């Protein structure tokens, strides 16, 4: 069999697949169908006829009234050459969380498309362009002209951005009043010797020593400069929570810092992180982990309702976590063997079909999480 031969229209663009993506009355269902359809389009070797049909379908989806559906299109085809340029242009003119993925990654955008966005000076969109893996000198100059400090810091940190002498000169000048730009310049993989010298001449001793160590400059030169310290610390507590050995300590620390939010607990439950969910609910409700786990899993609807009320969760959050726990139990008790990615994939897919109105932000998070599980996305048929 010739695997390089184009797939037939029925393989990728079936009437049922298109109808689910464009005509289903529920926006969440349309978004799931859109992501499934777009994934098929980006992985298929389409014939010219299929490609023309796909363009029409994607053009229709890009005009969907639901931002969640348009977002599903944007994140799934953000790296694909199969995204029609006209559709890409419509997406980058959309709201930030739809435009940014396409601006950061899409290979179909031209300098003309990017310059139109840069002239708008929309901060998040300019930053997205500054992060692109391929940039021309014209786009670099436009980012410097139209971007704010955060955009320039991202441009400086982008080792793929071709900075010429004029660009470096502007960056160094602006870095005098912006530590983010300075730190991003220092972190570049390679800097011309003259740029290194100029950075050292205006830097504090702490920063100058960093430059010296990273870019092969005698430390003695750096030590002669003045002194200043600055610390940056960010904690990705969501990622930490999945690997922490003591979830009791972690969740109580998050509780003390007002970071144990409804959204965090709901997302954890929907992703199948049930031990974290149990400890989080225990911390929010002020009860033991054992009691919270019993109320969540073994006490029926009333147990979870009582636990949710005590934990001061919203009604939608209570119902969604209860639904996620039921899905988790059903998958755990099935005769199938899952690896972690497959299990999480099935959890998210089934949670998205629950009849509860979770926030658009939470649904968007789950869709993007699902898109990252590339090996198993939308394999509902295999799971049944």
Protein backbone atom coordinates (compact mmCIF):
# COMPACT_ATOMS: atom_id res chain seq x y z
CA UNK A 1 0.00 0.00 0.00
CA UNK A 2 1.32 3.45 -0.92
CA UNK A 3 1.15 5.41 2.32
CA UNK A 4 2.16 8.61 0.54
CA UNK A 5 -0.97 8.63 -1.59
CA UNK A 6 -3.49 11.36 -0.70
CA UNK A 7 -6.25 10.26 1.62
CA UNK A 8 -9.73 10.28 0.19
CA UNK A 9 -12.28 12.90 1.11
CA UNK A 10 -14.32 10.35 3.07
CA UNK A 11 -11.31 9.56 5.29
CA UNK A 12 -10.88 13.10 6.58
CA UNK A 13 -13.75 15.35 5.54
CA UNK A 14 -16.79 13.16 6.04
CA UNK A 15 -20.19 14.81 6.18
CA UNK A 16 -20.62 13.66 9.79
CA UNK A 17 -17.29 15.19 10.86
CA UNK A 18 -18.08 18.49 9.17
CA UNK A 19 -21.63 18.59 10.50
CA UNK A 20 -20.41 18.03 14.07
CA UNK A 21 -17.89 20.87 13.76
CA UNK A 22 -20.15 23.46 12.15
CA UNK A 23 -23.74 22.61 13.05
CA UNK A 24 -23.89 21.07 16.53
CA UNK A 25 -25.96 23.36 18.80
CA UNK A 26 -23.54 23.01 21.73
CA UNK A 27 -20.35 25.11 21.51
CA UNK A 28 -18.23 22.70 23.55
CA UNK A 29 -19.25 19.81 21.30
CA UNK A 30 -18.44 21.91 18.23
CA UNK A 31 -15.04 22.74 19.68
CA UNK A 32 -14.22 19.06 20.28
CA UNK A 33 -15.39 18.15 16.78
CA UNK A 34 -13.38 21.05 15.35
CA UNK A 35 -10.22 19.91 17.08
CA UNK A 36 -10.75 16.36 15.84
CA UNK A 37 -11.35 17.57 12.27
CA UNK A 38 -8.35 19.91 12.33
CA UNK A 39 -6.10 17.19 13.70
CA UNK A 40 -7.15 14.93 10.83
CA UNK A 41 -6.53 17.71 8.31
CA UNK A 42 -3.06 18.49 9.60
CA UNK A 43 -1.97 14.84 9.61
CA UNK A 44 -3.48 13.83 6.26
CA UNK A 45 -1.87 14.01 2.83
CA UNK A 46 -4.78 15.87 1.23
CA UNK A 47 -5.65 15.83 -2.45
CA UNK A 48 -6.25 19.17 -4.15
CA UNK A 49 -9.99 18.59 -4.04
CA UNK A 50 -9.89 17.79 -0.31
CA UNK A 51 -7.69 20.80 0.35
CA UNK A 52 -10.18 23.10 -1.38
CA UNK A 53 -13.02 21.60 0.65
CA UNK A 54 -11.02 21.90 3.87
CA UNK A 55 -10.41 25.60 3.14
CA UNK A 56 -14.16 26.22 2.90
CA UNK A 57 -14.87 24.31 6.10
CA UNK A 58 -12.10 26.04 8.06
CA UNK A 59 -13.23 29.43 6.76
CA UNK A 60 -16.72 28.69 8.11
CA UNK A 61 -15.38 27.52 11.49
CA UNK A 62 -13.21 30.64 11.85
CA UNK A 63 -16.43 32.69 11.84
CA UNK A 64 -18.14 30.62 14.57
CA UNK A 65 -19.88 32.76 17.18
CA UNK A 66 -18.17 30.81 19.96
CA UNK A 67 -14.64 31.86 20.89
CA UNK A 68 -14.08 28.34 22.23
CA UNK A 69 -14.62 26.86 18.76
CA UNK A 70 -12.37 29.42 17.08
CA UNK A 71 -9.74 28.75 19.76
CA UNK A 72 -9.89 25.01 19.05
CA UNK A 73 -9.17 25.77 15.39
CA UNK A 74 -6.31 28.13 16.27
CA UNK A 75 -4.47 25.88 18.70
CA UNK A 76 -4.81 22.74 16.58
CA UNK A 77 -3.59 24.22 13.30
CA UNK A 78 -1.20 26.81 14.73
CA UNK A 79 1.85 24.97 13.33
CA UNK A 80 0.27 23.53 10.22
CA UNK A 81 0.88 24.61 6.63
CA UNK A 82 -2.65 23.32 5.95
CA UNK A 83 -4.13 26.39 7.67
CA UNK A 84 -5.33 28.63 4.81
CA UNK A 85 -3.71 32.05 4.89
CA UNK A 86 -7.05 33.87 4.72
CA UNK A 87 -8.24 31.90 7.75
CA UNK A 88 -4.97 32.59 9.56
CA UNK A 89 -5.39 36.32 8.89
CA UNK A 90 -8.89 36.22 10.36
CA UNK A 91 -7.64 34.37 13.45
CA UNK A 92 -4.80 36.81 14.16
CA UNK A 93 -7.28 39.67 14.03
CA UNK A 94 -9.40 37.90 16.66
CA UNK A 95 -9.16 38.21 20.45
CA UNK A 96 -5.77 37.53 22.05
CA UNK A 97 -6.22 33.91 23.15
CA UNK A 98 -7.19 32.97 19.59
CA UNK A 99 -4.66 35.17 17.78
CA UNK A 100 -1.59 34.48 19.91
CA UNK A 101 -1.07 30.75 19.12
CA UNK A 102 -1.24 31.47 15.39
CA UNK A 103 1.01 34.52 15.62
CA UNK A 104 3.62 32.58 17.58
CA UNK A 105 3.83 29.59 15.27
CA UNK A 106 1.98 29.69 11.95
CA UNK A 107 4.24 29.20 8.92
CA UNK A 108 1.60 30.55 6.52
CA UNK A 109 1.80 34.16 7.72
CA UNK A 110 3.82 36.63 5.66
CA UNK A 111 5.78 39.68 6.78
CA UNK A 112 2.89 41.78 5.47
CA UNK A 113 0.46 39.95 7.76
CA UNK A 114 2.76 40.38 10.76
CA UNK A 115 3.43 44.06 10.06
CA UNK A 116 -0.31 44.79 10.00
CA UNK A 117 -0.58 43.33 13.51
CA UNK A 118 2.54 45.09 14.79
CA UNK A 119 1.20 48.47 13.68
CA UNK A 120 -1.84 47.88 15.90
CA UNK A 121 0.52 47.81 18.94
CA UNK A 122 -1.67 45.17 20.61
CA UNK A 123 0.69 44.12 23.42
CA UNK A 124 -0.01 40.37 23.61
CA UNK A 125 0.08 40.02 19.84
CA UNK A 126 3.36 41.91 19.50
CA UNK A 127 4.90 39.64 22.15
CA UNK A 128 3.65 36.59 20.25
CA UNK A 129 5.36 37.79 17.07
CA UNK A 130 8.59 38.44 18.99
CA UNK A 131 8.63 34.75 19.99
CA UNK A 132 8.29 33.35 16.45
CA UNK A 133 10.94 30.78 15.46
CA UNK A 134 11.61 32.58 12.18
CA UNK A 135 11.82 36.36 11.87
CA UNK A 136 13.16 38.68 9.21
CA UNK A 137 15.11 41.86 9.86
CA UNK A 138 12.06 43.93 8.88
CA UNK A 139 9.92 42.26 11.55
CA UNK A 140 12.66 42.64 14.17
CA UNK A 141 12.83 46.38 13.48
CA UNK A 142 9.03 46.66 13.63
CA UNK A 143 8.88 44.85 17.00
CA UNK A 144 11.46 47.27 18.39
CA UNK A 145 9.48 50.20 16.99
CA UNK A 146 6.02 49.13 18.15
CA UNK A 147 6.65 46.82 21.12
CA UNK A 148 6.75 47.53 24.84
CA UNK A 149 9.39 46.33 27.30
CA UNK A 150 7.94 42.82 27.54
CA UNK A 151 7.88 42.45 23.76
CA UNK A 152 11.50 43.60 23.48
CA UNK A 153 12.56 41.25 26.27
CA UNK A 154 10.98 38.35 24.40
CA UNK A 155 12.66 39.45 21.19
CA UNK A 156 16.03 39.66 22.95
CA UNK A 157 15.55 36.19 24.41
CA UNK A 158 14.67 34.73 21.00
CA UNK A 159 17.92 33.25 19.71
CA UNK A 160 16.35 32.86 16.29
CA UNK A 161 15.71 36.60 15.96
CA UNK A 162 18.35 38.13 13.64
CA UNK A 163 19.55 41.18 15.58
CA UNK A 164 21.84 43.47 13.59
CA UNK A 165 24.08 46.24 14.92
CA UNK A 166 21.25 48.81 14.93
CA UNK A 167 18.90 46.41 16.72
CA UNK A 168 21.48 45.64 19.40
CA UNK A 169 22.16 49.35 19.84
CA UNK A 170 18.45 50.06 20.41
CA UNK A 171 18.15 47.11 22.79
CA UNK A 172 21.12 48.21 24.88
CA UNK A 173 19.80 51.77 25.07
CA UNK A 174 16.38 50.59 26.20
CA UNK A 175 17.83 48.06 28.64
CA UNK A 176 19.25 50.90 30.77
CA UNK A 177 15.76 51.46 32.13
CA UNK A 178 14.40 47.92 31.77
CA UNK A 179 15.97 44.99 33.62
CA UNK A 180 13.91 42.43 31.67
CA UNK A 181 15.49 43.49 28.39
CA UNK A 182 18.94 43.47 29.98
CA UNK A 183 18.49 39.97 31.41
CA UNK A 184 17.12 38.66 28.12
CA UNK A 185 20.06 40.06 26.18
CA UNK A 186 22.50 38.44 28.61
CA UNK A 187 20.72 35.10 28.21
CA UNK A 188 21.16 35.02 24.42
CA UNK A 189 23.25 32.11 23.21
CA UNK A 190 25.69 34.36 21.38
CA UNK A 191 26.47 38.07 21.63
CA UNK A 192 28.93 40.07 19.52
CA UNK A 193 31.98 41.21 21.55
CA UNK A 194 31.09 44.91 21.21
CA UNK A 195 27.61 44.25 22.57
CA UNK A 196 29.08 42.38 25.55
CA UNK A 197 31.39 45.30 26.33
CA UNK A 198 28.54 47.81 26.16
CA UNK A 199 26.38 45.70 28.45
CA UNK A 200 29.19 45.39 30.99
CA UNK A 201 29.85 49.11 30.92
CA UNK A 202 26.30 49.91 32.05
CA UNK A 203 25.66 46.88 34.27
CA UNK A 204 25.84 46.40 38.03
CA UNK A 205 28.53 44.13 39.44
CA UNK A 206 26.11 41.21 39.91
CA UNK A 207 24.88 41.44 36.34
CA UNK A 208 28.32 42.10 34.94
CA UNK A 209 29.67 38.92 36.54
CA UNK A 210 26.81 36.97 34.92
CA UNK A 211 27.81 38.46 31.56
CA UNK A 212 31.45 37.64 32.18
CA UNK A 213 30.75 34.01 33.01
CA UNK A 214 28.33 33.48 30.14
CA UNK A 215 30.21 35.28 27.41
CA UNK A 216 33.87 34.66 28.21
CA UNK A 217 34.83 38.08 29.55
CA UNK A 218 37.50 38.37 32.29
CA UNK A 219 35.71 38.39 35.63
CA UNK A 220 38.16 41.01 36.92
CA UNK A 221 36.63 43.52 34.52
CA UNK A 222 33.15 42.84 35.83
CA UNK A 223 34.09 42.96 39.54
CA UNK A 224 35.15 46.61 39.19
CA UNK A 225 31.59 47.69 38.43
CA UNK A 226 28.96 48.82 41.03
CA UNK A 227 26.68 46.43 42.96
CA UNK A 228 22.99 45.64 42.68
CA UNK A 229 21.03 42.47 43.32
CA UNK A 230 17.76 41.25 42.00
CA UNK A 231 15.91 38.01 42.54
CA UNK A 232 13.24 36.40 40.43
CA UNK A 233 11.31 33.41 41.72
CA UNK A 234 8.29 31.85 40.06
CA UNK A 235 6.63 28.62 41.16
CA UNK A 236 4.54 26.58 38.80
CA UNK A 237 2.49 25.11 41.62
CA UNK A 238 0.24 23.16 39.29
CA UNK A 239 3.15 21.15 37.87
CA UNK A 240 4.66 20.77 41.33
CA UNK A 241 1.44 19.37 42.70
CA UNK A 242 1.50 16.36 40.41
CA UNK A 243 4.90 15.21 41.66
CA UNK A 244 4.92 16.34 45.29
CA UNK A 245 5.40 13.51 47.77
CA UNK A 246 3.48 15.26 50.51
CA UNK A 247 0.25 16.50 48.98
CA UNK A 248 -1.08 17.39 52.42
CA UNK A 249 1.68 19.96 52.97
CA UNK A 250 1.44 21.22 49.41
CA UNK A 251 -2.30 21.79 49.41
CA UNK A 252 -2.25 23.43 52.83
CA UNK A 253 0.53 25.74 51.71
CA UNK A 254 -1.49 26.66 48.63
CA UNK A 255 -4.48 27.23 50.92
CA UNK A 256 -2.45 29.57 53.16
CA UNK A 257 -1.34 31.52 50.09
CA UNK A 258 -4.92 31.81 48.70
CA UNK A 259 -3.94 29.83 45.61
CA UNK A 260 -6.09 26.75 46.20
CA UNK A 261 -8.81 28.06 43.90
CA UNK A 262 -11.99 26.46 42.57
CA UNK A 263 -10.44 26.46 39.11
CA UNK A 264 -7.24 24.70 40.21
CA UNK A 265 -9.17 21.94 42.00
CA UNK A 266 -11.61 21.52 39.11
CA UNK A 267 -8.82 21.28 36.53
CA UNK A 268 -6.95 18.76 38.66
CA UNK A 269 -10.05 16.58 38.95
CA UNK A 270 -10.81 16.82 35.23
CA UNK A 271 -7.25 15.73 34.41
CA UNK A 272 -7.54 12.69 36.66
CA UNK A 273 -5.30 14.04 39.44
CA UNK A 274 -7.66 12.63 42.06
CA UNK A 275 -5.27 12.39 45.03
CA UNK A 276 -4.47 16.08 44.67
CA UNK A 277 -8.21 16.78 44.41
CA UNK A 278 -8.89 14.84 47.64
CA UNK A 279 -6.20 16.69 49.60
CA UNK A 280 -7.28 20.02 48.12
CA UNK A 281 -10.91 19.48 49.14
CA UNK A 282 -9.78 18.39 52.60
CA UNK A 283 -7.75 21.59 52.99
CA UNK A 284 -10.59 23.79 51.75
CA UNK A 285 -13.17 22.03 53.96
CA UNK A 286 -10.93 21.83 57.05
CA UNK A 287 -11.33 18.05 57.42
CA UNK A 288 -9.06 15.03 57.18
CA UNK A 289 -7.96 13.61 53.84
CA UNK A 290 -9.61 10.27 54.64
CA UNK A 291 -12.96 11.90 55.30
CA UNK A 292 -12.74 14.07 52.17
CA UNK A 293 -11.88 11.04 50.03
CA UNK A 294 -14.82 9.09 51.49
CA UNK A 295 -17.25 11.97 50.84
CA UNK A 296 -15.94 12.40 47.30
CA UNK A 297 -15.97 8.78 46.20
CA UNK A 298 -18.22 6.69 48.43
CA UNK A 299 -21.04 8.82 49.81
CA UNK A 300 -23.06 9.46 46.67
CA UNK A 301 -24.32 12.82 45.46
CA UNK A 302 -25.12 14.10 48.96
CA UNK A 303 -21.62 13.40 50.24
CA UNK A 304 -19.95 15.44 47.51
CA UNK A 305 -22.58 18.15 47.84
CA UNK A 306 -21.90 18.47 51.56
CA UNK A 307 -18.14 18.43 50.98
CA UNK A 308 -18.39 21.07 48.25
CA UNK A 309 -20.55 23.36 50.37
CA UNK A 310 -18.13 23.04 53.28
CA UNK A 311 -15.22 23.77 50.91
CA UNK A 312 -17.14 26.82 49.61
CA UNK A 313 -17.11 25.63 46.01
CA UNK A 314 -19.54 26.92 43.40
CA UNK A 315 -22.42 24.71 42.37
CA UNK A 316 -20.98 24.09 38.90
CA UNK A 317 -17.61 23.18 40.41
CA UNK A 318 -19.24 20.71 42.81
CA UNK A 319 -21.20 18.97 40.06
CA UNK A 320 -18.23 18.88 37.68
CA UNK A 321 -15.85 17.43 40.28
CA UNK A 322 -18.45 14.83 41.21
CA UNK A 323 -18.82 13.93 37.52
CA UNK A 324 -15.04 13.75 37.10
CA UNK A 325 -14.78 11.48 40.14
CA UNK A 326 -17.42 9.16 38.67
CA UNK A 327 -15.55 9.04 35.34
CA UNK A 328 -12.30 8.38 37.20
CA UNK A 329 -13.87 5.49 39.14
CA UNK A 330 -15.41 4.03 35.98
CA UNK A 331 -12.05 4.06 34.17
CA UNK A 332 -10.23 2.67 37.21
CA UNK A 333 -12.67 -0.23 37.52
CA UNK A 334 -12.70 -1.13 33.83
CA UNK A 335 -10.78 -4.14 32.62
CA UNK A 336 -8.57 -2.01 30.37
CA UNK A 337 -4.96 -1.08 31.11
CA UNK A 338 -4.08 2.56 30.47
CA UNK A 339 -0.84 4.45 30.49
CA UNK A 340 -0.95 7.88 32.11
CA UNK A 341 -1.39 9.90 28.90
CA UNK A 342 -4.17 7.68 27.58
CA UNK A 343 -5.97 7.75 30.93
CA UNK A 344 -5.76 11.54 31.13
CA UNK A 345 -6.92 11.85 27.55
CA UNK A 346 -10.03 9.78 28.24
CA UNK A 347 -10.74 11.72 31.45
CA UNK A 348 -10.67 15.09 29.71
CA UNK A 349 -12.71 13.97 26.71
CA UNK A 350 -15.46 12.54 28.90
CA UNK A 351 -15.47 15.50 31.29
CA UNK A 352 -15.99 17.85 28.34
CA UNK A 353 -19.20 15.98 27.52
CA UNK A 354 -20.68 16.54 31.00
CA UNK A 355 -23.79 18.74 31.00
CA UNK A 356 -22.31 21.44 33.24
CA UNK A 357 -21.42 24.99 32.23
CA UNK A 358 -17.79 25.23 33.31
CA UNK A 359 -16.14 28.55 32.56
CA UNK A 360 -14.76 29.23 29.10
CA UNK A 361 -11.29 29.57 30.65
CA UNK A 362 -11.48 26.10 32.22
CA UNK A 363 -12.88 24.52 29.04
CA UNK A 364 -10.16 26.26 27.04
CA UNK A 365 -7.50 24.92 29.42
CA UNK A 366 -8.84 21.36 29.02
CA UNK A 367 -8.93 21.66 25.23
CA UNK A 368 -5.34 22.86 25.12
CA UNK A 369 -4.32 20.12 27.55
CA UNK A 370 -6.03 17.62 25.29
CA UNK A 371 -4.21 18.96 22.26
CA UNK A 372 -0.93 18.27 24.03
CA UNK A 373 -1.82 14.58 24.39
CA UNK A 374 -1.03 14.04 20.72
CA UNK A 375 -0.68 10.28 20.80
CA UNK A 376 -4.23 9.62 21.96
CA UNK A 377 -6.33 12.63 21.05
CA UNK A 378 -9.98 11.91 20.42
CA UNK A 379 -9.76 8.14 20.64
CA UNK A 380 -13.22 7.75 22.16
CA UNK A 381 -14.16 4.92 19.82
CA UNK A 382 -11.19 2.83 20.95
CA UNK A 383 -12.14 3.36 24.56
CA UNK A 384 -15.69 2.15 24.23
